[in-house]
Amino acid sequence: MFVNLTDVLTNEDKVISKQIEAELTQISIGGEVFPVVHKTPIQFTFNNLGKGRARIDGTGEMVFAMSCDRCLKPVEEKLQLEFSREVFAPDRIAETSDENDDQGFMDGYELDVEGLLANEIVINWPMKVLCKPDCKGICLQCGKDLNTGTCECDTFVPDPRMAVIKDIFNANKEV
């Protein structure tokens, strides 16, 4: 969806507020696709900051379906989006190229709402998602969910610094 910002970028002290329903149904991050489970309309405020400059403020909420990073159970993760971006008219971009190289969501005087939202989602994406704060994960050997109980796997990890000595004893062992 595109929003025309000609009025805001060309008229000083112009302020426009809009509520826009996001059309995003999924997002792809790191080669994985995450579907949108729930979303609220995004509240935008477009504010002129001077000739050919405007600020875009937005707030909204999106819920994505993903997996717990430790036990792989399905989890719904809520992202609270609050952003503020400054955009420039096409004739002003050359003057401000150092400041604003990230105007990929602007096409002339048109704002690509989906591009802006996708950018903000990636910026706010959580580093780790857990089903609960004390999730124990899965056993590295048998794959059992350790939140439901312990398994009988041997969890002893030998000290790698002692591997050479172990090899010497195994080589001199009588059969």
C-alpha atoms as a PDB file:
ATOM      1  CA  MET A   1       0.000   0.000   0.000  1.00  0.00           C
ATOM      2  CA  PHE A   2       1.277   3.447  -0.914  1.00  0.00           C
ATOM      3  CA  VAL A   3       0.423   6.745   0.782  1.00  0.00           C
ATOM      4  CA  ASN A   4       0.912   9.992  -1.109  1.00  0.00           C
ATOM      5  CA  LEU A   5       2.914  12.486   1.001  1.00  0.00           C
ATOM      6  CA  THR A   6       2.905  15.371  -1.495  1.00  0.00           C
ATOM      7  CA  ASP A   7       0.714  17.561   0.746  1.00  0.00           C
ATOM      8  CA  VAL A   8       2.911  16.996   3.794  1.00  0.00           C
ATOM      9  CA  LEU A   9       6.221  17.474   1.978  1.00  0.00           C
ATOM     10  CA  THR A  10       5.176  20.646   0.128  1.00  0.00           C
ATOM     11  CA  ASN A  11       3.023  22.528   2.702  1.00  0.00           C
ATOM     12  CA  GLU A  12       4.763  23.917   5.759  1.00  0.00           C
ATOM     13  CA  ASP A  13       3.258  23.072   9.176  1.00  0.00           C
ATOM     14  CA  LYS A  14       0.985  20.456   7.576  1.00  0.00           C
ATOM     15  CA  VAL A  15       0.081  17.550   9.868  1.00  0.00           C
ATOM     16  CA  ILE A  16      -1.937  14.531   8.732  1.00  0.00           C
ATOM     17  CA  SER A  17      -2.995  11.600  10.908  1.00  0.00           C
ATOM     18  CA  LYS A  18      -4.096   8.312   9.342  1.00  0.00           C
ATOM     19  CA  GLN A  19      -4.950   4.891  10.591  1.00  0.00           C
ATOM     20  CA  ILE A  20      -3.786   2.276   8.080  1.00  0.00           C
ATOM     21  CA  GLU A  21      -4.516  -1.443   8.132  1.00  0.00           C
ATOM     22  CA  ALA A  22      -1.256  -3.286   7.369  1.00  0.00           C
ATOM     23  CA  GLU A  23      -1.479  -5.768   4.508  1.00  0.00           C
ATOM     24  CA  LEU A  24       1.438  -7.894   5.757  1.00  0.00           C
ATOM     25  CA  THR A  25       0.452 -11.540   6.251  1.00  0.00           C
ATOM     26  CA  GLN A  26       3.966 -12.876   6.866  1.00  0.00           C
ATOM     27  CA  ILE A  27       7.581 -11.785   7.088  1.00  0.00           C
ATOM     28  CA  SER A  28      10.746 -13.560   6.024  1.00  0.00           C
ATOM     29  CA  ILE A  29      13.777 -13.160   8.309  1.00  0.00           C
ATOM     30  CA  GLY A  30      16.938 -15.227   8.070  1.00  0.00           C
ATOM     31  CA  GLY A  31      15.450 -17.569   5.492  1.00  0.00           C
ATOM     32  CA  GLU A  32      12.498 -18.410   7.737  1.00  0.00           C
ATOM     33  CA  VAL A  33       8.912 -17.297   7.152  1.00  0.00           C
ATOM     34  CA  PHE A  34       6.853 -16.130  10.128  1.00  0.00           C
ATOM     35  CA  PRO A  35       3.084 -15.703   9.655  1.00  0.00           C
ATOM     36  CA  VAL A  36       1.205 -12.783  11.195  1.00  0.00           C
ATOM     37  CA  VAL A  37      -1.357 -14.121  13.693  1.00  0.00           C
ATOM     38  CA  HIS A  38      -2.869 -10.796  14.760  1.00  0.00           C
ATOM     39  CA  LYS A  39      -2.327  -7.134  13.920  1.00  0.00           C
ATOM     40  CA  THR A  40      -3.757  -3.810  14.943  1.00  0.00           C
ATOM     41  CA  PRO A  41      -4.161  -0.900  12.538  1.00  0.00           C
ATOM     42  CA  ILE A  42      -1.030   1.265  12.438  1.00  0.00           C
ATOM     43  CA  GLN A  43      -1.598   4.853  13.581  1.00  0.00           C
ATOM     44  CA  PHE A  44       0.506   7.211  11.434  1.00  0.00           C
ATOM     45  CA  THR A  45       1.193  10.907  11.915  1.00  0.00           C
ATOM     46  CA  PHE A  46       2.846  12.772   9.036  1.00  0.00           C
ATOM     47  CA  ASN A  47       4.328  16.103  10.133  1.00  0.00           C
ATOM     48  CA  ASN A  48       6.029  18.699   7.901  1.00  0.00           C
ATOM     49  CA  LEU A  49       9.420  19.820   9.251  1.00  0.00           C
ATOM     50  CA  GLY A  50      10.230  22.389   6.588  1.00  0.00           C
ATOM     51  CA  LYS A  51      10.585  22.577   2.840  1.00  0.00           C
ATOM     52  CA  GLY A  52      10.757  19.039   1.475  1.00  0.00           C
ATOM     53  CA  ARG A  53      11.155  17.383   4.918  1.00  0.00           C
ATOM     54  CA  ALA A  54       8.648  15.410   6.955  1.00  0.00           C
ATOM     55  CA  ARG A  55       8.609  13.167  10.001  1.00  0.00           C
ATOM     56  CA  ILE A  56       6.635   9.938  10.040  1.00  0.00           C
ATOM     57  CA  ASP A  57       5.572   8.702  13.471  1.00  0.00           C
ATOM     58  CA  GLY A  58       3.795   5.394  13.837  1.00  0.00           C
ATOM     59  CA  THR A  59       2.540   2.976  16.460  1.00  0.00           C
ATOM     60  CA  GLY A  60       0.949  -0.428  16.225  1.00  0.00           C
ATOM     61  CA  GLU A  61       1.166  -4.027  17.277  1.00  0.00           C
ATOM     62  CA  MET A  62       1.735  -7.298  15.426  1.00  0.00           C
ATOM     63  CA  VAL A  63       1.769 -10.874  16.702  1.00  0.00           C
ATOM     64  CA  PHE A  64       3.851 -13.499  14.878  1.00  0.00           C
ATOM     65  CA  ALA A  65       3.824 -17.304  15.061  1.00  0.00           C
ATOM     66  CA  MET A  66       7.300 -18.714  15.699  1.00  0.00           C
ATOM     67  CA  SER A  67       9.080 -21.484  17.584  1.00  0.00           C
ATOM     68  CA  CYS A  68      10.790 -21.428  20.960  1.00  0.00           C
ATOM     69  CA  ASP A  69      14.547 -21.231  20.422  1.00  0.00           C
ATOM     70  CA  ARG A  70      15.224 -23.917  23.050  1.00  0.00           C
ATOM     71  CA  CYS A  71      12.422 -26.499  22.881  1.00  0.00           C
ATOM     72  CA  LEU A  72      10.875 -25.709  19.457  1.00  0.00           C
ATOM     73  CA  LYS A  73       7.302 -25.414  20.802  1.00  0.00           C
ATOM     74  CA  PRO A  74       5.037 -23.010  18.883  1.00  0.00           C
ATOM     75  CA  VAL A  75       4.997 -19.513  20.409  1.00  0.00           C
ATOM     76  CA  GLU A  76       3.126 -16.319  19.595  1.00  0.00           C
ATOM     77  CA  GLU A  77       5.445 -13.311  19.920  1.00  0.00           C
ATOM     78  CA  LYS A  78       4.015  -9.790  20.166  1.00  0.00           C
ATOM     79  CA  LEU A  79       5.981  -6.917  18.615  1.00  0.00           C
ATOM     80  CA  GLN A  80       5.117  -3.424  19.746  1.00  0.00           C
ATOM     81  CA  LEU A  81       6.009  -1.071  16.898  1.00  0.00           C
ATOM     82  CA  GLU A  82       6.815   2.544  17.719  1.00  0.00           C
ATOM     83  CA  PHE A  83       8.883   4.427  15.195  1.00  0.00           C
ATOM     84  CA  SER A  84       9.809   7.874  13.990  1.00  0.00           C
ATOM     85  CA  ARG A  85      11.468   8.442  10.623  1.00  0.00           C
ATOM     86  CA  GLU A  86      12.429  11.539   8.715  1.00  0.00           C
ATOM     87  CA  VAL A  87      11.800  11.520   4.959  1.00  0.00           C
ATOM     88  CA  PHE A  88      12.679  13.948   2.211  1.00  0.00           C
ATOM     89  CA  ALA A  89      11.109  15.029  -1.057  1.00  0.00           C
ATOM     90  CA  PRO A  90      12.812  13.623  -4.171  1.00  0.00           C
ATOM     91  CA  ASP A  91      14.440  16.977  -4.966  1.00  0.00           C
ATOM     92  CA  ARG A  92      15.953  17.190  -1.438  1.00  0.00           C
ATOM     93  CA  ILE A  93      17.458  13.675  -1.300  1.00  0.00           C
ATOM     94  CA  ALA A  94      20.672  14.752  -3.086  1.00  0.00           C
ATOM     95  CA  GLU A  95      21.269  17.434  -0.431  1.00  0.00           C
ATOM     96  CA  THR A  96      20.868  14.960   2.445  1.00  0.00           C
ATOM     97  CA  SER A  97      22.430  11.786   1.002  1.00  0.00           C
ATOM     98  CA  ASP A  98      24.702  11.252   4.020  1.00  0.00           C
ATOM     99  CA  GLU A  99      21.895  11.588   6.554  1.00  0.00           C
ATOM    100  CA  ASN A 100      19.256   9.474   4.879  1.00  0.00           C
ATOM    101  CA  ASP A 101      20.561   6.557   2.861  1.00  0.00           C
ATOM    102  CA  ASP A 102      17.740   4.327   4.163  1.00  0.00           C
ATOM    103  CA  GLN A 103      14.835   5.851   2.200  1.00  0.00           C
ATOM    104  CA  GLY A 104      14.144   2.554   0.423  1.00  0.00           C
ATOM    105  CA  PHE A 105      10.504   2.777   1.483  1.00  0.00           C
ATOM    106  CA  MET A 106       9.978   6.070  -0.389  1.00  0.00           C
ATOM    107  CA  ASP A 107       9.179   6.144  -4.100  1.00  0.00           C
ATOM    108  CA  GLY A 108       9.142   9.797  -5.072  1.00  0.00           C
ATOM    109  CA  TYR A 109       6.409  11.387  -2.967  1.00  0.00           C
ATOM    110  CA  GLU A 110       4.851   7.991  -2.187  1.00  0.00           C
ATOM    111  CA  LEU A 111       5.444   6.106   1.064  1.00  0.00           C
ATOM    112  CA  ASP A 112       5.537   2.311   0.760  1.00  0.00           C
ATOM    113  CA  VAL A 113       3.802   1.407   4.033  1.00  0.00           C
ATOM    114  CA  GLU A 114       4.593  -2.316   3.766  1.00  0.00           C
ATOM    115  CA  GLY A 115       8.291  -1.599   3.124  1.00  0.00           C
ATOM    116  CA  LEU A 116       8.485   0.736   6.111  1.00  0.00           C
ATOM    117  CA  LEU A 117       6.703  -1.766   8.374  1.00  0.00           C
ATOM    118  CA  ALA A 118       8.902  -4.654   7.207  1.00  0.00           C
ATOM    119  CA  ASN A 119      11.966  -2.549   7.976  1.00  0.00           C
ATOM    120  CA  GLU A 120      10.676  -1.691  11.465  1.00  0.00           C
ATOM    121  CA  ILE A 121       9.773  -5.328  12.179  1.00  0.00           C
ATOM    122  CA  VAL A 122      13.291  -6.480  11.291  1.00  0.00           C
ATOM    123  CA  ILE A 123      14.796  -3.755  13.513  1.00  0.00           C
ATOM    124  CA  ASN A 124      12.559  -4.764  16.459  1.00  0.00           C
ATOM    125  CA  TRP A 125      12.818  -8.542  15.901  1.00  0.00           C
ATOM    126  CA  PRO A 126      13.725 -10.367  19.150  1.00  0.00           C
ATOM    127  CA  MET A 127      17.154 -11.990  19.397  1.00  0.00           C
ATOM    128  CA  LYS A 128      15.761 -15.019  21.236  1.00  0.00           C
ATOM    129  CA  VAL A 129      12.196 -16.253  21.667  1.00  0.00           C
ATOM    130  CA  LEU A 130      11.355 -18.548  24.581  1.00  0.00           C
ATOM    131  CA  CYS A 131       8.082 -20.272  25.445  1.00  0.00           C
ATOM    132  CA  LYS A 132       8.759 -19.400  29.101  1.00  0.00           C
ATOM    133  CA  PRO A 133      11.702 -17.664  30.800  1.00  0.00           C
ATOM    134  CA  ASP A 134      13.017 -20.871  32.402  1.00  0.00           C
ATOM    135  CA  CYS A 135      12.660 -23.141  29.345  1.00  0.00           C
ATOM    136  CA  LYS A 136      15.082 -26.066  29.647  1.00  0.00           C
ATOM    137  CA  GLY A 137      15.121 -26.939  25.952  1.00  0.00           C
ATOM    138  CA  ILE A 138      15.570 -30.403  24.480  1.00  0.00           C
ATOM    139  CA  CYS A 139      18.113 -33.158  25.147  1.00  0.00           C
ATOM    140  CA  LEU A 140      20.990 -32.946  22.696  1.00  0.00           C
ATOM    141  CA  GLN A 141      21.168 -36.738  22.380  1.00  0.00           C
ATOM    142  CA  CYS A 142      17.593 -38.082  22.355  1.00  0.00           C
ATOM    143  CA  GLY A 143      15.576 -34.908  21.640  1.00  0.00           C
ATOM    144  CA  LYS A 144      13.242 -35.221  24.640  1.00  0.00           C
ATOM    145  CA  ASP A 145      11.624 -32.010  25.859  1.00  0.00           C
ATOM    146  CA  LEU A 146      13.352 -31.378  29.200  1.00  0.00           C
ATOM    147  CA  ASN A 147      10.447 -29.181  30.372  1.00  0.00           C
ATOM    148  CA  THR A 148       8.315 -32.328  30.727  1.00  0.00           C
ATOM    149  CA  GLY A 149      10.951 -34.307  32.646  1.00  0.00           C
ATOM    150  CA  THR A 150      14.494 -35.598  32.536  1.00  0.00           C
ATOM    151  CA  CYS A 151      15.801 -38.280  30.214  1.00  0.00           C
ATOM    152  CA  GLU A 152      18.219 -41.139  30.910  1.00  0.00           C
ATOM    153  CA  CYS A 153      20.937 -39.950  28.514  1.00  0.00           C
ATOM    154  CA  ASP A 154      24.551 -39.712  29.680  1.00  0.00           C
ATOM    155  CA  THR A 155      25.291 -35.992  29.879  1.00  0.00           C
ATOM    156  CA  PHE A 156      28.946 -36.390  30.871  1.00  0.00           C
ATOM    157  CA  VAL A 157      31.190 -34.304  28.625  1.00  0.00           C
ATOM    158  CA  PRO A 158      34.880 -35.216  28.941  1.00  0.00           C
ATOM    159  CA  ASP A 159      37.461 -32.468  29.265  1.00  0.00           C
ATOM    160  CA  PRO A 160      38.996 -32.058  25.777  1.00  0.00           C
ATOM    161  CA  ARG A 161      42.359 -31.162  27.348  1.00  0.00           C
ATOM    162  CA  MET A 162      42.575 -34.713  28.718  1.00  0.00           C
ATOM    163  CA  ALA A 163      41.890 -36.400  25.352  1.00  0.00           C
ATOM    164  CA  VAL A 164      45.618 -36.903  24.626  1.00  0.00           C
ATOM    165  CA  ILE A 165      46.191 -38.677  27.945  1.00  0.00           C
ATOM    166  CA  LYS A 166      43.137 -40.861  27.344  1.00  0.00           C
ATOM    167  CA  ASP A 167      44.536 -41.836  23.935  1.00  0.00           C
ATOM    168  CA  ILE A 168      47.888 -42.842  25.553  1.00  0.00           C
ATOM    169  CA  PHE A 169      46.117 -45.089  28.072  1.00  0.00           C
ATOM    170  CA  ASN A 170      43.938 -46.645  25.377  1.00  0.00           C
ATOM    171  CA  ALA A 171      46.983 -47.330  23.136  1.00  0.00           C
ATOM    172  CA  ASN A 172      48.885 -49.162  25.923  1.00  0.00           C
ATOM    173  CA  LYS A 173      45.912 -51.170  27.141  1.00  0.00           C
ATOM    174  CA  GLU A 174      46.424 -54.963  27.054  1.00  0.00           C
ATOM    175  CA  VAL A 175      43.792 -56.961  25.260  1.00  0.00           C
END
